[in-house]
PDB file of all heavy atoms in Angstrom:
ATOM      1  N   ASN A   1      28.712  86.011 159.224  1.00  0.00           N
ATOM      2  CA  ASN A   1      28.529  86.164 157.761  1.00  0.00           C
ATOM      3  C   ASN A   1      29.731  85.668 156.964  1.00  0.00           C
ATOM      4  O   ASN A   1      29.757  85.768 155.759  1.00  0.00           O
ATOM      5  CB  ASN A   1      28.326  87.635 157.391  1.00  0.00           C
ATOM      6  CG  ASN A   1      27.051  88.159 157.904  1.00  0.00           C
ATOM      7  OD1 ASN A   1      26.585  87.774 158.964  1.00  0.00           O
ATOM      8  ND2 ASN A   1      26.444  89.097 157.168  1.00  0.00           N
ATOM      9  N   ARG A   2      30.709  85.114 157.656  1.00  0.00           N
ATOM     10  CA  ARG A   2      32.013  84.830 157.016  1.00  0.00           C
ATOM     11  C   ARG A   2      32.354  83.336 157.027  1.00  0.00           C
ATOM     12  O   ARG A   2      32.109  82.635 158.003  1.00  0.00           O
ATOM     13  CB  ARG A   2      33.075  85.602 157.768  1.00  0.00           C
ATOM     14  CG  ARG A   2      34.409  85.687 157.039  1.00  0.00           C
ATOM     15  CD  ARG A   2      35.409  86.451 157.871  1.00  0.00           C
ATOM     16  NE  ARG A   2      36.604  86.814 157.203  1.00  0.00           N
ATOM     17  CZ  ARG A   2      37.748  87.141 157.790  1.00  0.00           C
ATOM     18  NH1 ARG A   2      37.801  87.168 159.106  1.00  0.00           N
ATOM     19  NH2 ARG A   2      38.786  87.480 157.094  1.00  0.00           N
ATOM     20  N   LEU A   3      32.860  82.889 155.881  1.00  0.00           N
ATOM     21  CA  LEU A   3      33.357  81.521 155.762  1.00  0.00           C
ATOM     22  C   LEU A   3      34.757  81.557 155.251  1.00  0.00           C
ATOM     23  O   LEU A   3      35.044  82.140 154.161  1.00  0.00           O
ATOM     24  CB  LEU A   3      32.456  80.720 154.816  1.00  0.00           C
ATOM     25  CG  LEU A   3      32.940  79.287 154.456  1.00  0.00           C
ATOM     26  CD1 LEU A   3      32.851  78.431 155.742  1.00  0.00           C
ATOM     27  CD2 LEU A   3      32.052  78.709 153.398  1.00  0.00           C
ATOM     28  N   LEU A   4      35.709  81.001 156.010  1.00  0.00           N
ATOM     29  CA  LEU A   4      37.086  80.844 155.559  1.00  0.00           C
ATOM     30  C   LEU A   4      37.240  79.479 154.888  1.00  0.00           C
ATOM     31  O   LEU A   4      36.870  78.462 155.489  1.00  0.00           O
ATOM     32  CB  LEU A   4      38.062  81.007 156.745  1.00  0.00           C
ATOM     33  CG  LEU A   4      38.155  82.391 157.400  1.00  0.00           C
ATOM     34  CD1 LEU A   4      39.181  82.367 158.536  1.00  0.00           C
ATOM     35  CD2 LEU A   4      38.576  83.437 156.374  1.00  0.00           C
ATOM     36  N   VAL A   5      37.846  79.528 153.723  1.00  0.00           N
ATOM     37  CA  VAL A   5      38.111  78.268 152.976  1.00  0.00           C
ATOM     38  C   VAL A   5      39.633  78.212 152.724  1.00  0.00           C
ATOM     39  O   VAL A   5      40.166  79.159 152.093  1.00  0.00           O
ATOM     40  CB  VAL A   5      37.337  78.176 151.676  1.00  0.00           C
ATOM     41  CG1 VAL A   5      37.583  76.834 151.005  1.00  0.00           C
ATOM     42  CG2 VAL A   5      35.853  78.442 151.880  1.00  0.00           C
ATOM     43  N   SER A   6      40.227  77.142 153.142  1.00  0.00           N
ATOM     44  CA  SER A   6      41.712  77.059 153.059  1.00  0.00           C
ATOM     45  C   SER A   6      42.085  75.832 152.240  1.00  0.00           C
ATOM     46  O   SER A   6      41.443  74.777 152.286  1.00  0.00           O
ATOM     47  CB  SER A   6      42.343  76.951 154.464  1.00  0.00           C
ATOM     48  OG  SER A   6      41.979  78.051 155.260  1.00  0.00           O
ATOM     49  N   ARG A   7      43.173  75.964 151.588  1.00  0.00           N
ATOM     50  CA  ARG A   7      43.816  74.854 150.886  1.00  0.00           C
ATOM     51  C   ARG A   7      45.339  75.135 150.856  1.00  0.00           C
ATOM     52  O   ARG A   7      45.757  76.082 150.186  1.00  0.00           O
ATOM     53  CB  ARG A   7      43.296  74.640 149.481  1.00  0.00           C
ATOM     54  CG  ARG A   7      43.864  73.427 148.780  1.00  0.00           C
ATOM     55  CD  ARG A   7      43.177  73.217 147.416  1.00  0.00           C
ATOM     56  NE  ARG A   7      43.598  71.994 146.772  1.00  0.00           N
ATOM     57  CZ  ARG A   7      44.586  71.928 145.836  1.00  0.00           C
ATOM     58  NH1 ARG A   7      45.276  73.025 145.506  1.00  0.00           N
ATOM     59  NH2 ARG A   7      44.929  70.782 145.303  1.00  0.00           N
ATOM     60  N   GLU A   8      46.103  74.383 151.534  1.00  0.00           N
ATOM     61  CA  GLU A   8      47.529  74.683 151.694  1.00  0.00           C
ATOM     62  C   GLU A   8      48.248  74.742 150.366  1.00  0.00           C
ATOM     63  O   GLU A   8      49.086  75.574 150.121  1.00  0.00           O
ATOM     64  CB  GLU A   8      48.187  73.594 152.578  1.00  0.00           C
ATOM     65  CG  GLU A   8      49.642  73.884 152.921  1.00  0.00           C
ATOM     66  CD  GLU A   8      50.236  72.897 153.876  1.00  0.00           C
ATOM     67  OE1 GLU A   8      49.465  72.094 154.451  1.00  0.00           O
ATOM     68  OE2 GLU A   8      51.453  72.914 154.035  1.00  0.00           O
ATOM     69  N   ALA A   9      47.879  73.836 149.404  1.00  0.00           N
ATOM     70  CA  ALA A   9      48.504  73.810 148.093  1.00  0.00           C
ATOM     71  C   ALA A   9      48.082  74.976 147.205  1.00  0.00           C
ATOM     72  O   ALA A   9      48.644  75.226 146.159  1.00  0.00           O
ATOM     73  CB  ALA A   9      48.227  72.511 147.376  1.00  0.00           C
ATOM     74  N   GLY A  10      47.054  75.708 147.615  1.00  0.00           N
ATOM     75  CA  GLY A  10      46.620  76.875 146.922  1.00  0.00           C
ATOM     76  C   GLY A  10      45.457  76.620 145.965  1.00  0.00           C
ATOM     77  O   GLY A  10      45.174  75.485 145.539  1.00  0.00           O
ATOM     78  N   PHE A  11      44.789  77.693 145.587  1.00  0.00           N
ATOM     79  CA  PHE A  11      43.681  77.660 144.632  1.00  0.00           C
ATOM     80  C   PHE A  11      44.214  78.138 143.262  1.00  0.00           C
ATOM     81  O   PHE A  11      45.349  78.547 143.148  1.00  0.00           O
ATOM     82  CB  PHE A  11      42.572  78.551 145.109  1.00  0.00           C
ATOM     83  CG  PHE A  11      41.951  78.149 146.405  1.00  0.00           C
ATOM     84  CD1 PHE A  11      42.358  78.647 147.631  1.00  0.00           C
ATOM     85  CD2 PHE A  11      40.898  77.197 146.431  1.00  0.00           C
ATOM     86  CE1 PHE A  11      41.819  78.264 148.825  1.00  0.00           C
ATOM     87  CE2 PHE A  11      40.340  76.808 147.633  1.00  0.00           C
ATOM     88  CZ  PHE A  11      40.799  77.338 148.828  1.00  0.00           C
ATOM     89  N   ILE A  12      43.359  78.088 142.302  1.00  0.00           N
ATOM     90  CA  ILE A  12      43.686  78.493 140.880  1.00  0.00           C
ATOM     91  C   ILE A  12      44.875  77.659 140.392  1.00  0.00           C
ATOM     92  O   ILE A  12      46.011  78.163 140.297  1.00  0.00           O
ATOM     93  CB  ILE A  12      43.991  79.996 140.775  1.00  0.00           C
ATOM     94  CG1 ILE A  12      42.916  80.791 141.552  1.00  0.00           C
ATOM     95  CG2 ILE A  12      43.991  80.444 139.302  1.00  0.00           C
ATOM     96  CD1 ILE A  12      43.185  82.299 141.569  1.00  0.00           C
ATOM     97  N   ASP A  13      44.636  76.460 140.103  1.00  0.00           N
ATOM     98  CA  ASP A  13      45.714  75.499 139.812  1.00  0.00           C
ATOM     99  C   ASP A  13      45.656  75.004 138.361  1.00  0.00           C
ATOM    100  O   ASP A  13      44.656  74.571 137.881  1.00  0.00           O
ATOM    101  CB  ASP A  13      45.554  74.290 140.760  1.00  0.00           C
ATOM    102  CG  ASP A  13      46.745  73.327 140.598  1.00  0.00           C
ATOM    103  OD1 ASP A  13      47.889  73.757 140.616  1.00  0.00           O
ATOM    104  OD2 ASP A  13      46.458  72.108 140.444  1.00  0.00           O
ATOM    105  N   GLY A  14      46.773  75.149 137.676  1.00  0.00           N
ATOM    106  CA  GLY A  14      46.917  74.583 136.340  1.00  0.00           C
ATOM    107  C   GLY A  14      46.633  75.561 135.226  1.00  0.00           C
ATOM    108  O   GLY A  14      45.960  76.610 135.424  1.00  0.00           O
ATOM    109  N   PRO A  15      47.057  75.251 134.000  1.00  0.00           N
ATOM    110  CA  PRO A  15      46.927  76.182 132.886  1.00  0.00           C
ATOM    111  C   PRO A  15      45.482  76.450 132.466  1.00  0.00           C
ATOM    112  O   PRO A  15      45.210  77.536 131.947  1.00  0.00           O
ATOM    113  CB  PRO A  15      47.702  75.443 131.784  1.00  0.00           C
ATOM    114  CG  PRO A  15      47.772  74.021 132.139  1.00  0.00           C
ATOM    115  CD  PRO A  15      47.798  74.042 133.638  1.00  0.00           C
ATOM    116  N   ILE A  16      44.608  75.490 132.675  1.00  0.00           N
ATOM    117  CA  ILE A  16      43.202  75.733 132.258  1.00  0.00           C
ATOM    118  C   ILE A  16      42.569  76.791 133.162  1.00  0.00           C
ATOM    119  O   ILE A  16      41.920  77.714 132.679  1.00  0.00           O
ATOM    120  CB  ILE A  16      42.403  74.428 132.268  1.00  0.00           C
ATOM    121  CG1 ILE A  16      42.981  73.450 131.219  1.00  0.00           C
ATOM    122  CG2 ILE A  16      40.938  74.677 131.972  1.00  0.00           C
ATOM    123  CD1 ILE A  16      42.268  72.124 131.193  1.00  0.00           C
ATOM    124  N   GLU A  17      42.770  76.631 134.466  1.00  0.00           N
ATOM    125  CA  GLU A  17      42.234  77.625 135.406  1.00  0.00           C
ATOM    126  C   GLU A  17      42.890  78.970 135.196  1.00  0.00           C
ATOM    127  O   GLU A  17      42.242  80.014 135.354  1.00  0.00           O
ATOM    128  CB  GLU A  17      42.332  77.190 136.834  1.00  0.00           C
ATOM    129  CG  GLU A  17      41.505  75.917 137.143  1.00  0.00           C
ATOM    130  CD  GLU A  17      41.203  75.781 138.631  1.00  0.00           C
ATOM    131  OE1 GLU A  17      41.900  76.415 139.441  1.00  0.00           O
ATOM    132  OE2 GLU A  17      40.267  75.081 139.001  1.00  0.00           O
ATOM    133  N   GLU A  18      44.139  78.972 134.835  1.00  0.00           N
ATOM    134  CA  GLU A  18      44.884  80.241 134.636  1.00  0.00           C
ATOM    135  C   GLU A  18      44.643  80.867 133.251  1.00  0.00           C
ATOM    136  O   GLU A  18      45.156  81.939 132.984  1.00  0.00           O
ATOM    137  CB  GLU A  18      46.373  80.035 134.888  1.00  0.00           C
ATOM    138  CG  GLU A  18      46.735  79.725 136.318  1.00  0.00           C
ATOM    139  CD  GLU A  18      48.214  79.594 136.562  1.00  0.00           C
ATOM    140  OE1 GLU A  18      48.995  80.190 135.831  1.00  0.00           O
ATOM    141  OE2 GLU A  18      48.610  78.914 137.549  1.00  0.00           O
ATOM    142  N   SER A  19      43.906  80.177 132.405  1.00  0.00           N
ATOM    143  CA  SER A  19      43.630  80.733 131.070  1.00  0.00           C
ATOM    144  C   SER A  19      42.759  81.969 131.167  1.00  0.00           C
ATOM    145  O   SER A  19      42.717  82.749 130.181  1.00  0.00           O
ATOM    146  CB  SER A  19      42.940  79.660 130.193  1.00  0.00           C
ATOM    147  OG  SER A  19      41.640  79.358 130.689  1.00  0.00           O
ATOM    148  N   VAL A  20      42.053  82.202 132.260  1.00  0.00           N
ATOM    149  CA  VAL A  20      41.221  83.390 132.391  1.00  0.00           C
ATOM    150  C   VAL A  20      41.913  84.469 133.196  1.00  0.00           C
ATOM    151  O   VAL A  20      41.368  85.574 133.385  1.00  0.00           O
ATOM    152  CB  VAL A  20      39.863  83.066 133.021  1.00  0.00           C
ATOM    153  CG1 VAL A  20      39.030  82.154 132.090  1.00  0.00           C
ATOM    154  CG2 VAL A  20      40.019  82.399 134.399  1.00  0.00           C
ATOM    155  N   ARG A  21      43.136  84.174 133.680  1.00  0.00           N
ATOM    156  CA  ARG A  21      43.868  85.136 134.438  1.00  0.00           C
ATOM    157  C   ARG A  21      45.336  84.784 134.392  1.00  0.00           C
ATOM    158  O   ARG A  21      45.761  83.693 134.867  1.00  0.00           O
ATOM    159  CB  ARG A  21      43.439  85.245 135.854  1.00  0.00           C
ATOM    160  CG  ARG A  21      44.111  86.381 136.664  1.00  0.00           C
ATOM    161  CD  ARG A  21      43.782  86.331 138.121  1.00  0.00           C
ATOM    162  NE  ARG A  21      44.196  87.584 138.802  1.00  0.00           N
ATOM    163  CZ  ARG A  21      43.421  88.601 139.054  1.00  0.00           C
ATOM    164  NH1 ARG A  21      42.129  88.546 138.718  1.00  0.00           N
ATOM    165  NH2 ARG A  21      43.926  89.681 139.643  1.00  0.00           N
ATOM    166  N   ASN A  22      46.163  85.592 133.751  1.00  0.00           N
ATOM    167  CA  ASN A  22      47.641  85.315 133.714  1.00  0.00           C
ATOM    168  C   ASN A  22      48.143  85.682 135.087  1.00  0.00           C
ATOM    169  O   ASN A  22      48.327  86.867 135.451  1.00  0.00           O
ATOM    170  CB  ASN A  22      48.247  86.200 132.611  1.00  0.00           C
ATOM    171  CG  ASN A  22      49.702  85.890 132.411  1.00  0.00           C
ATOM    172  OD1 ASN A  22      50.433  85.629 133.341  1.00  0.00           O
ATOM    173  ND2 ASN A  22      50.147  85.955 131.145  1.00  0.00           N
ATOM    174  N   MET A  23      48.495  84.669 135.853  1.00  0.00           N
ATOM    175  CA  MET A  23      48.885  84.859 137.256  1.00  0.00           C
ATOM    176  C   MET A  23      50.272  85.548 137.324  1.00  0.00           C
ATOM    177  O   MET A  23      50.611  86.063 138.393  1.00  0.00           O
ATOM    178  CB  MET A  23      48.899  83.544 138.003  1.00  0.00           C
ATOM    179  CG  MET A  23      47.487  82.944 138.175  1.00  0.00           C
ATOM    180  SD  MET A  23      46.407  83.979 139.154  1.00  0.00           S
ATOM    181  CE  MET A  23      47.117  83.807 140.779  1.00  0.00           C
ATOM    182  N   GLU A  24      51.062  85.490 136.278  1.00  0.00           N
ATOM    183  CA  GLU A  24      52.328  86.158 136.286  1.00  0.00           C
ATOM    184  C   GLU A  24      52.141  87.655 136.075  1.00  0.00           C
ATOM    185  O   GLU A  24      52.791  88.499 136.749  1.00  0.00           O
ATOM    186  CB  GLU A  24      53.255  85.574 135.225  1.00  0.00           C
ATOM    187  CG  GLU A  24      53.681  84.145 135.502  1.00  0.00           C
ATOM    188  CD  GLU A  24      54.693  83.665 134.463  1.00  0.00           C
ATOM    189  OE1 GLU A  24      55.052  84.448 133.565  1.00  0.00           O
ATOM    190  OE2 GLU A  24      55.094  82.499 134.545  1.00  0.00           O
ATOM    191  N   LYS A  25      51.257  88.038 135.160  1.00  0.00           N
ATOM    192  CA  LYS A  25      50.981  89.452 134.881  1.00  0.00           C
ATOM    193  C   LYS A  25      50.099  90.065 135.960  1.00  0.00           C
ATOM    194  O   LYS A  25      50.279  91.211 136.318  1.00  0.00           O
ATOM    195  CB  LYS A  25      50.344  89.616 133.523  1.00  0.00           C
ATOM    196  CG  LYS A  25      51.278  89.464 132.331  1.00  0.00           C
ATOM    197  CD  LYS A  25      50.489  89.776 131.049  1.00  0.00           C
ATOM    198  CE  LYS A  25      51.377  89.725 129.852  1.00  0.00           C
ATOM    199  NZ  LYS A  25      50.596  90.076 128.604  1.00  0.00           N
ATOM    200  N   TYR A  26      49.106  89.302 136.374  1.00  0.00           N
ATOM    201  CA  TYR A  26      48.083  89.821 137.269  1.00  0.00           C
ATOM    202  C   TYR A  26      47.948  88.955 138.474  1.00  0.00           C
ATOM    203  O   TYR A  26      46.895  88.319 138.700  1.00  0.00           O
ATOM    204  CB  TYR A  26      46.729  89.944 136.526  1.00  0.00           C
ATOM    205  CG  TYR A  26      46.803  90.602 135.206  1.00  0.00           C
ATOM    206  CD1 TYR A  26      46.549  89.879 134.040  1.00  0.00           C
ATOM    207  CD2 TYR A  26      47.148  91.951 135.049  1.00  0.00           C
ATOM    208  CE1 TYR A  26      46.678  90.500 132.767  1.00  0.00           C
ATOM    209  CE2 TYR A  26      47.230  92.567 133.816  1.00  0.00           C
ATOM    210  CZ  TYR A  26      46.988  91.817 132.682  1.00  0.00           C
ATOM    211  OH  TYR A  26      47.086  92.393 131.459  1.00  0.00           O
ATOM    212  N   PRO A  27      48.993  88.894 139.349  1.00  0.00           N
ATOM    213  CA  PRO A  27      48.885  88.058 140.542  1.00  0.00           C
ATOM    214  C   PRO A  27      47.948  88.667 141.570  1.00  0.00           C
ATOM    215  O   PRO A  27      47.778  89.884 141.642  1.00  0.00           O
ATOM    216  CB  PRO A  27      50.320  88.038 141.033  1.00  0.00           C
ATOM    217  CG  PRO A  27      50.906  89.331 140.566  1.00  0.00           C
ATOM    218  CD  PRO A  27      50.270  89.610 139.250  1.00  0.00           C
TER     219      PRO A  27
END
């Protein structure tokens, strides 16, 4: 039932994607 998805550089990239979550306040 499980799928692992990896990306070494990370997900949630850039100010537009972070506009719905302040990654500094809510990491």
